[in-house]
Amino acid sequence: MRDNRSPHWRQRRAFGALGSGRGGDDGALIGPPGRRPTRRLRYFTMHLGFTAASAADARELAVGYAEALSLLRPEVALGASALSPADAWHRAERLFCGAVGPDGERCVDVADHPGFHHAPGPGDLGWGDGD
């Protein structure tokens, strides 16, 4: 070690020699974390792989997995759930209806269900052409 001085003073001397580029201002080169704009939340997709004997069995399992995940983690978008063969993601089919109701809620019944549409929650609003 050639220099006995503290690292703080070596750093200060190096900054002084390089210049801060602010017209002699000795302010910090790194600003507080609040200066950066916050990023917007982005949507991501999670793919779960599983085996099933038929397409109908796979659909039933997928609906069960999606409903279970939405109970455990409310931020999981249940209406965005889809099912596709593992080697053909471009053939994804919706699992849930997703029809928009009069108050902006979305139907949480399985896709192509008969009867009224139903909002999430027990005993919530039903709408549409039901039987």
N, C-alpha and C. Protein backbone atom coordinates (compact mmCIF):
# COMPACT_ATOMS: atom_id res chain seq x y z
N MET A 1 0.85 -1.16 0.00
CA MET A 1 0.00 0.00 0.00
C MET A 1 0.90 1.23 0.00
N ARG A 2 0.69 2.09 -0.97
CA ARG A 2 1.56 3.26 -1.11
C ARG A 2 1.07 4.47 -0.34
N ASP A 3 -0.22 4.52 -0.08
CA ASP A 3 -0.79 5.73 0.49
C ASP A 3 -1.41 5.40 1.84
N ASN A 4 -1.04 6.11 2.88
CA ASN A 4 -1.56 5.86 4.21
C ASN A 4 -2.86 6.60 4.50
N ARG A 5 -3.26 7.47 3.61
CA ARG A 5 -4.44 8.27 3.89
C ARG A 5 -5.71 7.43 3.78
N SER A 6 -6.76 7.95 4.38
CA SER A 6 -8.05 7.26 4.38
C SER A 6 -8.62 7.19 2.95
N PRO A 7 -9.36 6.11 2.64
CA PRO A 7 -9.97 6.00 1.31
C PRO A 7 -10.90 7.18 1.01
N HIS A 8 -11.53 7.73 2.03
CA HIS A 8 -12.42 8.87 1.83
C HIS A 8 -11.68 10.03 1.17
N TRP A 9 -10.48 10.33 1.66
CA TRP A 9 -9.73 11.48 1.12
C TRP A 9 -9.14 11.16 -0.24
N ARG A 10 -8.75 9.91 -0.47
CA ARG A 10 -8.27 9.54 -1.82
C ARG A 10 -9.39 9.73 -2.83
N GLN A 11 -10.63 9.32 -2.44
CA GLN A 11 -11.77 9.46 -3.34
C GLN A 11 -12.06 10.94 -3.60
N ARG A 12 -12.03 11.78 -2.58
CA ARG A 12 -12.27 13.22 -2.73
C ARG A 12 -11.24 13.84 -3.68
N ARG A 13 -9.98 13.44 -3.53
CA ARG A 13 -8.94 14.00 -4.38
C ARG A 13 -9.17 13.58 -5.83
N ALA A 14 -9.61 12.33 -6.05
CA ALA A 14 -9.86 11.86 -7.41
C ALA A 14 -11.04 12.62 -8.02
N PHE A 15 -12.09 12.86 -7.26
CA PHE A 15 -13.23 13.61 -7.78
C PHE A 15 -12.84 15.05 -8.10
N GLY A 16 -11.99 15.62 -7.26
CA GLY A 16 -11.55 16.99 -7.50
C GLY A 16 -10.73 17.10 -8.77
N ALA A 17 -9.90 16.09 -9.03
CA ALA A 17 -9.08 16.12 -10.24
C ALA A 17 -9.91 15.91 -11.49
N LEU A 18 -10.92 15.04 -11.42
CA LEU A 18 -11.77 14.78 -12.58
C LEU A 18 -12.77 15.89 -12.82
N GLY A 19 -13.17 16.56 -11.76
CA GLY A 19 -14.21 17.59 -11.89
C GLY A 19 -15.57 16.94 -11.89
N SER A 20 -16.50 17.59 -11.26
CA SER A 20 -17.83 17.00 -11.16
C SER A 20 -18.70 17.36 -12.35
N GLY A 21 -18.26 18.32 -13.19
CA GLY A 21 -19.05 18.68 -14.35
C GLY A 21 -20.21 19.59 -14.01
N ARG A 22 -20.25 20.12 -12.80
CA ARG A 22 -21.36 20.96 -12.37
C ARG A 22 -20.89 22.37 -12.06
N GLY A 23 -19.83 22.81 -12.69
CA GLY A 23 -19.36 24.16 -12.46
C GLY A 23 -18.79 24.36 -11.07
N GLY A 24 -18.05 23.39 -10.57
CA GLY A 24 -17.43 23.53 -9.26
C GLY A 24 -18.32 23.08 -8.12
N ASP A 25 -19.51 22.60 -8.40
CA ASP A 25 -20.42 22.13 -7.36
C ASP A 25 -19.91 20.80 -6.83
N ASP A 26 -19.74 20.68 -5.55
CA ASP A 26 -19.24 19.43 -4.94
C ASP A 26 -20.38 18.56 -4.44
N GLY A 27 -21.56 18.60 -5.06
CA GLY A 27 -22.70 17.79 -4.65
C GLY A 27 -22.45 16.32 -4.96
N ALA A 28 -23.30 15.49 -4.46
CA ALA A 28 -23.17 14.05 -4.66
C ALA A 28 -23.38 13.70 -6.13
N LEU A 29 -22.62 12.72 -6.61
CA LEU A 29 -22.77 12.27 -7.99
C LEU A 29 -23.95 11.33 -8.15
N ILE A 30 -24.35 10.69 -7.07
CA ILE A 30 -25.48 9.77 -7.11
C ILE A 30 -26.64 10.42 -6.37
N GLY A 31 -27.78 10.55 -7.06
CA GLY A 31 -28.94 11.20 -6.47
C GLY A 31 -29.73 10.26 -5.59
N PRO A 32 -30.66 10.81 -4.84
CA PRO A 32 -31.51 9.96 -4.00
C PRO A 32 -32.40 9.07 -4.87
N PRO A 33 -32.86 7.96 -4.33
CA PRO A 33 -33.62 7.01 -5.14
C PRO A 33 -34.96 7.54 -5.64
N GLY A 34 -35.46 8.61 -5.10
CA GLY A 34 -36.77 9.12 -5.51
C GLY A 34 -36.77 9.84 -6.84
N ARG A 35 -35.63 10.04 -7.47
CA ARG A 35 -35.58 10.80 -8.72
C ARG A 35 -36.04 10.01 -9.93
N ARG A 36 -35.93 8.71 -9.89
CA ARG A 36 -36.32 7.90 -11.05
C ARG A 36 -37.83 7.75 -11.11
N PRO A 37 -38.40 7.79 -12.32
CA PRO A 37 -39.84 7.56 -12.41
C PRO A 37 -40.16 6.10 -12.12
N THR A 38 -41.28 5.86 -11.49
CA THR A 38 -41.67 4.49 -11.19
C THR A 38 -42.15 3.81 -12.46
N ARG A 39 -41.88 2.53 -12.56
CA ARG A 39 -42.29 1.77 -13.74
C ARG A 39 -43.72 1.30 -13.60
N ARG A 40 -44.41 1.26 -14.71
CA ARG A 40 -45.77 0.73 -14.73
C ARG A 40 -45.74 -0.77 -14.50
N LEU A 41 -46.78 -1.28 -13.88
CA LEU A 41 -46.87 -2.73 -13.70
C LEU A 41 -47.13 -3.38 -15.05
N ARG A 42 -46.47 -4.50 -15.31
CA ARG A 42 -46.65 -5.21 -16.57
C ARG A 42 -47.33 -6.54 -16.29
N TYR A 43 -48.00 -7.08 -17.29
CA TYR A 43 -48.65 -8.38 -17.16
C TYR A 43 -47.69 -9.47 -17.60
N PHE A 44 -47.72 -10.58 -16.88
CA PHE A 44 -46.90 -11.73 -17.22
C PHE A 44 -47.78 -12.97 -17.26
N THR A 45 -47.32 -14.00 -17.94
CA THR A 45 -48.08 -15.24 -18.06
C THR A 45 -47.25 -16.37 -17.48
N MET A 46 -47.91 -17.22 -16.70
CA MET A 46 -47.28 -18.40 -16.15
C MET A 46 -47.88 -19.62 -16.84
N HIS A 47 -47.06 -20.51 -17.29
CA HIS A 47 -47.53 -21.73 -17.95
C HIS A 47 -47.30 -22.90 -17.01
N LEU A 48 -48.35 -23.65 -16.74
CA LEU A 48 -48.25 -24.84 -15.91
C LEU A 48 -48.41 -26.06 -16.80
N GLY A 49 -47.53 -27.00 -16.67
CA GLY A 49 -47.63 -28.22 -17.46
C GLY A 49 -48.17 -29.36 -16.62
N PHE A 50 -49.08 -30.13 -17.19
CA PHE A 50 -49.62 -31.31 -16.50
C PHE A 50 -50.11 -32.28 -17.56
N THR A 51 -50.34 -33.52 -17.13
CA THR A 51 -50.83 -34.54 -18.07
C THR A 51 -52.28 -34.85 -17.76
N ALA A 52 -53.00 -35.25 -18.81
CA ALA A 52 -54.41 -35.64 -18.68
C ALA A 52 -54.73 -36.66 -19.76
N ALA A 53 -55.74 -37.47 -19.50
CA ALA A 53 -56.11 -38.53 -20.44
C ALA A 53 -56.82 -37.99 -21.67
N SER A 54 -57.56 -36.90 -21.53
CA SER A 54 -58.30 -36.34 -22.67
C SER A 54 -58.38 -34.82 -22.54
N ALA A 55 -58.86 -34.17 -23.59
CA ALA A 55 -59.00 -32.71 -23.57
C ALA A 55 -60.02 -32.28 -22.51
N ALA A 56 -61.09 -33.04 -22.35
CA ALA A 56 -62.10 -32.71 -21.34
C ALA A 56 -61.53 -32.82 -19.93
N ASP A 57 -60.76 -33.87 -19.69
CA ASP A 57 -60.11 -34.02 -18.38
C ASP A 57 -59.11 -32.89 -18.14
N ALA A 58 -58.37 -32.52 -19.17
CA ALA A 58 -57.40 -31.44 -19.04
C ALA A 58 -58.10 -30.12 -18.72
N ARG A 59 -59.24 -29.87 -19.36
CA ARG A 59 -60.00 -28.64 -19.10
C ARG A 59 -60.48 -28.61 -17.65
N GLU A 60 -61.00 -29.72 -17.17
CA GLU A 60 -61.48 -29.80 -15.79
C GLU A 60 -60.34 -29.58 -14.78
N LEU A 61 -59.19 -30.21 -15.03
CA LEU A 61 -58.04 -30.00 -14.16
C LEU A 61 -57.56 -28.55 -14.20
N ALA A 62 -57.51 -27.97 -15.39
CA ALA A 62 -57.04 -26.59 -15.53
C ALA A 62 -57.94 -25.61 -14.80
N VAL A 63 -59.25 -25.81 -14.88
CA VAL A 63 -60.20 -24.95 -14.15
C VAL A 63 -59.95 -25.08 -12.64
N GLY A 64 -59.76 -26.30 -12.18
CA GLY A 64 -59.49 -26.51 -10.75
C GLY A 64 -58.20 -25.85 -10.31
N TYR A 65 -57.14 -25.98 -11.11
CA TYR A 65 -55.86 -25.34 -10.77
C TYR A 65 -56.01 -23.82 -10.73
N ALA A 66 -56.68 -23.25 -11.73
CA ALA A 66 -56.84 -21.80 -11.79
C ALA A 66 -57.65 -21.28 -10.60
N GLU A 67 -58.74 -21.97 -10.26
CA GLU A 67 -59.55 -21.54 -9.11
C GLU A 67 -58.77 -21.65 -7.81
N ALA A 68 -57.99 -22.72 -7.65
CA ALA A 68 -57.20 -22.90 -6.43
C ALA A 68 -56.13 -21.81 -6.32
N LEU A 69 -55.46 -21.50 -7.43
CA LEU A 69 -54.45 -20.44 -7.40
C LEU A 69 -55.07 -19.08 -7.08
N SER A 70 -56.25 -18.82 -7.61
CA SER A 70 -56.89 -17.52 -7.35
C SER A 70 -57.33 -17.39 -5.90
N LEU A 71 -57.63 -18.52 -5.24
CA LEU A 71 -57.95 -18.47 -3.81
C LEU A 71 -56.71 -18.21 -2.97
N LEU A 72 -55.61 -18.82 -3.36
CA LEU A 72 -54.37 -18.64 -2.62
C LEU A 72 -53.73 -17.28 -2.88
N ARG A 73 -53.81 -16.83 -4.12
CA ARG A 73 -53.19 -15.56 -4.51
C ARG A 73 -54.22 -14.73 -5.28
N PRO A 74 -54.89 -13.77 -4.63
CA PRO A 74 -55.95 -13.00 -5.28
C PRO A 74 -55.48 -12.18 -6.48
N GLU A 75 -54.19 -11.90 -6.59
CA GLU A 75 -53.72 -11.11 -7.72
C GLU A 75 -53.64 -11.90 -9.02
N VAL A 76 -53.82 -13.23 -8.95
CA VAL A 76 -53.85 -14.04 -10.16
C VAL A 76 -55.14 -13.74 -10.90
N ALA A 77 -55.02 -13.40 -12.18
CA ALA A 77 -56.18 -13.04 -12.99
C ALA A 77 -56.89 -14.30 -13.45
N LEU A 78 -57.97 -14.63 -12.79
CA LEU A 78 -58.72 -15.85 -13.09
C LEU A 78 -59.29 -15.82 -14.51
N GLY A 79 -59.81 -14.68 -14.91
CA GLY A 79 -60.43 -14.57 -16.24
C GLY A 79 -59.45 -14.69 -17.38
N ALA A 80 -58.18 -14.52 -17.13
CA ALA A 80 -57.18 -14.62 -18.19
C ALA A 80 -56.65 -16.04 -18.36
N SER A 81 -57.15 -16.98 -17.60
CA SER A 81 -56.68 -18.36 -17.67
C SER A 81 -57.07 -18.99 -19.00
N ALA A 82 -56.16 -19.75 -19.56
CA ALA A 82 -56.41 -20.41 -20.84
C ALA A 82 -55.77 -21.79 -20.80
N LEU A 83 -56.22 -22.66 -21.70
CA LEU A 83 -55.71 -24.02 -21.81
C LEU A 83 -55.29 -24.27 -23.25
N SER A 84 -54.14 -24.90 -23.42
CA SER A 84 -53.68 -25.26 -24.77
C SER A 84 -52.87 -26.54 -24.67
N PRO A 85 -52.74 -27.26 -25.78
CA PRO A 85 -51.82 -28.39 -25.79
C PRO A 85 -50.40 -27.88 -25.56
N ALA A 86 -49.56 -28.69 -24.95
CA ALA A 86 -48.20 -28.25 -24.59
C ALA A 86 -47.38 -27.84 -25.80
N ASP A 87 -47.63 -28.47 -26.94
CA ASP A 87 -46.83 -28.16 -28.13
C ASP A 87 -47.53 -27.18 -29.08
N ALA A 88 -48.66 -26.60 -28.65
CA ALA A 88 -49.40 -25.68 -29.53
C ALA A 88 -50.03 -24.55 -28.71
N TRP A 89 -49.19 -23.66 -28.20
CA TRP A 89 -49.69 -22.56 -27.38
C TRP A 89 -50.57 -21.61 -28.17
N HIS A 90 -50.44 -21.61 -29.48
CA HIS A 90 -51.27 -20.73 -30.32
C HIS A 90 -52.73 -21.20 -30.37
N ARG A 91 -53.02 -22.39 -29.87
CA ARG A 91 -54.39 -22.90 -29.83
C ARG A 91 -55.01 -22.79 -28.44
N ALA A 92 -54.66 -21.76 -27.71
CA ALA A 92 -55.16 -21.58 -26.34
C ALA A 92 -56.65 -21.27 -26.36
N GLU A 93 -57.38 -21.87 -25.44
CA GLU A 93 -58.82 -21.64 -25.27
C GLU A 93 -59.07 -21.08 -23.88
N ARG A 94 -59.97 -20.10 -23.81
CA ARG A 94 -60.33 -19.53 -22.51
C ARG A 94 -60.94 -20.58 -21.60
N LEU A 95 -60.66 -20.48 -20.31
CA LEU A 95 -61.26 -21.40 -19.35
C LEU A 95 -62.52 -20.82 -18.71
N PHE A 96 -62.58 -19.51 -18.59
CA PHE A 96 -63.70 -18.85 -17.91
C PHE A 96 -64.41 -17.90 -18.86
N CYS A 97 -65.69 -17.64 -18.58
CA CYS A 97 -66.56 -16.86 -19.45
C CYS A 97 -66.03 -15.44 -19.66
N GLY A 98 -65.92 -14.66 -18.59
CA GLY A 98 -65.38 -13.31 -18.68
C GLY A 98 -66.33 -12.28 -19.25
N ALA A 99 -67.63 -12.61 -19.41
CA ALA A 99 -68.59 -11.62 -19.92
C ALA A 99 -68.69 -10.45 -18.95
N VAL A 100 -68.76 -9.23 -19.50
CA VAL A 100 -68.82 -8.03 -18.67
C VAL A 100 -70.26 -7.76 -18.27
N GLY A 101 -70.48 -7.55 -16.96
CA GLY A 101 -71.82 -7.30 -16.43
C GLY A 101 -72.17 -5.83 -16.41
N PRO A 102 -73.37 -5.50 -15.92
CA PRO A 102 -73.84 -4.12 -15.91
C PRO A 102 -73.03 -3.19 -15.01
N ASP A 103 -72.38 -3.71 -13.99
CA ASP A 103 -71.58 -2.88 -13.09
C ASP A 103 -70.09 -3.00 -13.36
N GLY A 104 -69.71 -3.59 -14.50
CA GLY A 104 -68.31 -3.73 -14.85
C GLY A 104 -67.64 -4.99 -14.34
N GLU A 105 -68.34 -5.81 -13.57
CA GLU A 105 -67.76 -7.07 -13.09
C GLU A 105 -67.71 -8.07 -14.24
N ARG A 106 -66.93 -9.10 -14.07
CA ARG A 106 -66.80 -10.14 -15.11
C ARG A 106 -67.32 -11.47 -14.59
N CYS A 107 -67.93 -12.22 -15.48
CA CYS A 107 -68.48 -13.53 -15.13
C CYS A 107 -67.33 -14.50 -14.83
N VAL A 108 -67.47 -15.24 -13.73
CA VAL A 108 -66.43 -16.18 -13.32
C VAL A 108 -66.83 -17.63 -13.54
N ASP A 109 -67.92 -17.87 -14.25
CA ASP A 109 -68.29 -19.25 -14.59
C ASP A 109 -67.37 -19.76 -15.69
N VAL A 110 -67.36 -21.07 -15.87
CA VAL A 110 -66.54 -21.66 -16.93
C VAL A 110 -67.03 -21.19 -18.30
N ALA A 111 -66.16 -21.19 -19.28
CA ALA A 111 -66.52 -20.74 -20.62
C ALA A 111 -67.64 -21.60 -21.19
N ASP A 112 -68.50 -20.99 -21.97
CA ASP A 112 -69.63 -21.65 -22.63
C ASP A 112 -70.61 -22.26 -21.65
N HIS A 113 -70.78 -21.64 -20.49
CA HIS A 113 -71.72 -22.16 -19.49
C HIS A 113 -73.15 -21.81 -19.90
N PRO A 114 -74.12 -22.62 -19.52
CA PRO A 114 -75.52 -22.29 -19.79
C PRO A 114 -76.07 -21.35 -18.72
N GLY A 115 -77.08 -20.59 -19.04
CA GLY A 115 -77.78 -19.77 -18.04
C GLY A 115 -77.16 -18.42 -17.81
N PHE A 116 -77.51 -17.85 -16.66
CA PHE A 116 -77.06 -16.50 -16.30
C PHE A 116 -75.55 -16.44 -16.10
N HIS A 117 -75.02 -15.23 -16.26
CA HIS A 117 -73.63 -14.96 -15.89
C HIS A 117 -73.61 -14.61 -14.41
N HIS A 118 -72.51 -14.90 -13.74
CA HIS A 118 -72.42 -14.64 -12.30
C HIS A 118 -71.16 -13.88 -11.95
N ALA A 119 -71.31 -12.86 -11.12
CA ALA A 119 -70.17 -12.10 -10.61
C ALA A 119 -69.45 -12.94 -9.55
N PRO A 120 -68.20 -12.60 -9.24
CA PRO A 120 -67.48 -13.37 -8.22
C PRO A 120 -68.11 -13.21 -6.84
N GLY A 121 -67.96 -14.23 -6.04
CA GLY A 121 -68.47 -14.20 -4.66
C GLY A 121 -69.77 -14.95 -4.53
N PRO A 122 -70.04 -15.48 -3.35
CA PRO A 122 -71.29 -16.22 -3.13
C PRO A 122 -72.49 -15.28 -3.12
N GLY A 123 -73.51 -15.61 -3.88
CA GLY A 123 -74.76 -14.84 -3.91
C GLY A 123 -74.64 -13.49 -4.59
N ASP A 124 -73.61 -13.28 -5.42
CA ASP A 124 -73.46 -12.00 -6.09
C ASP A 124 -74.36 -11.92 -7.32
N LEU A 125 -74.32 -10.79 -7.96
CA LEU A 125 -75.19 -10.44 -9.08
C LEU A 125 -75.13 -11.46 -10.19
N GLY A 126 -76.31 -11.78 -10.75
CA GLY A 126 -76.41 -12.60 -11.95
C GLY A 126 -77.09 -11.79 -13.04
N TRP A 127 -76.70 -11.94 -14.30
CA TRP A 127 -77.29 -11.17 -15.38
C TRP A 127 -77.28 -11.99 -16.68
N GLY A 128 -78.02 -11.53 -17.64
CA GLY A 128 -78.04 -12.16 -18.95
C GLY A 128 -79.30 -12.97 -19.19
N ASP A 129 -79.26 -13.78 -20.25
CA ASP A 129 -80.39 -14.61 -20.65
C ASP A 129 -80.22 -15.98 -20.02
N GLY A 130 -80.82 -16.16 -18.88
CA GLY A 130 -80.68 -17.42 -18.16
C GLY A 130 -81.92 -18.27 -18.28
N ASP A 131 -81.89 -19.39 -17.61
CA ASP A 131 -83.07 -20.26 -17.62
C ASP A 131 -83.63 -20.36 -16.22
